[in-house]
Amino acid sequence: MIWKAYGIESPVKEFRFHPVRRWRFDYAWPDRKIAVEQEGGIWINGAHNRGVHYSSDMQKYNFAARMGWQVYRFSPAQIRKGEAQEFMKTVFNVNNGKGEIPK
């Protein structure tokens, strides 16, 4: 619902994008190969901000790019406040087709 409120079609949650690895995107629009990752734990030194997990995430994002995916990363606060959705509107050209870049 948080996406539809901004005029963006609902994404697939926890979408597994790789045929072998168990990698998943938090939100994905598979037909467009667009994904959003919610990067939690950024202020508390969470697991994904530490060596092994951080390296694993880089590998995941690199493979996704090589497979033709556009991956956008946001904090939970940016999603909760609607900043992520406003940005994604420009990606999807929802804003009357203008695709304006937010300031």
Protein backbone atom coordinates (compact mmCIF):
# COMPACT_ATOMS: atom_id res chain seq x y z
CA MET A 1 0.00 0.00 0.00
CA ILE A 2 2.86 2.38 0.66
CA TRP A 3 3.72 2.32 -3.03
CA LYS A 4 0.16 2.57 -4.41
CA ALA A 5 -0.46 5.70 -2.33
CA TYR A 6 2.18 7.35 -4.53
CA GLY A 7 0.75 6.05 -7.79
CA ILE A 8 3.29 3.25 -8.12
CA GLU A 9 2.12 -0.28 -8.90
CA SER A 10 2.55 -2.72 -6.02
CA PRO A 11 5.88 -4.53 -6.05
CA VAL A 12 6.59 -8.19 -5.41
CA LYS A 13 7.98 -8.51 -1.89
CA GLU A 14 11.01 -10.69 -1.21
CA PHE A 15 11.47 -11.46 -4.91
CA ARG A 16 14.11 -14.10 -5.64
CA PHE A 17 15.93 -12.79 -8.70
CA HIS A 18 18.83 -15.21 -9.13
CA PRO A 19 18.27 -18.75 -10.48
CA VAL A 20 20.87 -20.38 -8.19
CA ARG A 21 21.66 -18.07 -5.28
CA ARG A 22 19.02 -17.39 -2.65
CA TRP A 23 19.28 -13.65 -3.14
CA ARG A 24 16.06 -11.70 -2.82
CA PHE A 25 15.08 -8.09 -3.29
CA ASP A 26 12.95 -6.44 -0.61
CA TYR A 27 10.68 -4.99 -3.31
CA ALA A 28 10.80 -5.77 -7.01
CA TRP A 29 9.02 -5.02 -10.25
CA PRO A 30 10.26 -8.07 -12.20
CA ASP A 31 8.71 -7.11 -15.53
CA ARG A 32 10.77 -3.89 -15.45
CA LYS A 33 13.82 -5.36 -13.69
CA ILE A 34 13.66 -2.64 -11.05
CA ALA A 35 14.24 -3.33 -7.37
CA VAL A 36 14.31 -1.48 -4.06
CA GLU A 37 16.43 -2.61 -1.15
CA GLN A 38 15.66 -1.38 2.36
CA GLU A 39 19.02 -0.96 4.08
CA GLY A 40 18.34 -1.44 7.77
CA GLY A 41 20.69 -1.19 10.72
CA ILE A 42 22.66 1.70 9.26
CA TRP A 43 22.73 3.67 12.54
CA ILE A 44 23.39 0.72 14.85
CA ASN A 45 26.19 -1.07 13.02
CA GLY A 46 23.80 -3.82 11.94
CA ALA A 47 24.93 -7.11 10.39
CA HIS A 48 24.78 -5.86 6.80
CA ASN A 49 27.14 -3.01 7.67
CA ARG A 50 29.89 -5.39 8.76
CA GLY A 51 32.57 -7.05 6.63
CA VAL A 52 31.13 -10.40 5.52
CA HIS A 53 27.54 -9.23 5.03
CA TYR A 54 28.60 -5.98 3.40
CA SER A 55 30.80 -7.89 0.98
CA SER A 56 27.96 -10.33 0.27
CA ASP A 57 25.59 -7.44 -0.46
CA MET A 58 28.10 -5.95 -2.90
CA GLN A 59 28.28 -9.29 -4.71
CA LYS A 60 24.47 -9.46 -4.81
CA TYR A 61 24.15 -5.94 -6.25
CA ASN A 62 26.90 -6.55 -8.81
CA PHE A 63 25.28 -9.76 -10.05
CA ALA A 64 21.92 -7.99 -10.19
CA ALA A 65 23.42 -5.21 -12.33
CA ARG A 66 25.05 -7.75 -14.61
CA MET A 67 21.65 -9.40 -15.02
CA GLY A 68 20.15 -6.07 -16.10
CA TRP A 69 18.51 -5.01 -12.82
CA GLN A 70 18.32 -1.44 -11.56
CA VAL A 71 18.64 -1.55 -7.77
CA TYR A 72 17.78 1.46 -5.63
CA ARG A 73 18.73 1.53 -1.96
CA PHE A 74 16.87 3.37 0.80
CA SER A 75 16.83 3.49 4.57
CA PRO A 76 13.69 2.43 6.46
CA ALA A 77 13.15 6.10 7.40
CA GLN A 78 13.25 7.17 3.74
CA ILE A 79 10.57 4.58 2.92
CA ARG A 80 8.48 5.44 5.98
CA LYS A 81 8.61 9.19 5.18
CA GLY A 82 7.79 8.70 1.50
CA GLU A 83 11.14 9.95 0.21
CA ALA A 84 11.83 6.61 -1.49
CA GLN A 85 8.43 6.60 -3.15
CA GLU A 86 8.84 10.16 -4.40
CA PHE A 87 12.17 9.21 -5.93
CA MET A 88 10.78 6.01 -7.43
CA LYS A 89 8.01 8.03 -9.08
CA THR A 90 10.74 9.62 -11.19
CA VAL A 91 12.10 6.18 -12.05
CA PHE A 92 8.69 4.99 -13.18
CA ASN A 93 7.83 8.35 -14.77
CA VAL A 94 4.62 8.44 -12.77
CA ASN A 95 4.83 12.20 -12.34
CA ASN A 96 2.89 13.00 -15.53
CA GLY A 97 5.67 11.44 -17.58
CA LYS A 98 8.12 14.15 -16.61
CA GLY A 99 10.51 11.93 -14.68
CA GLU A 100 11.68 14.92 -12.64
CA ILE A 101 14.75 14.49 -10.48
CA PRO A 102 14.05 15.41 -6.85
CA LYS A 103 16.11 18.20 -5.27
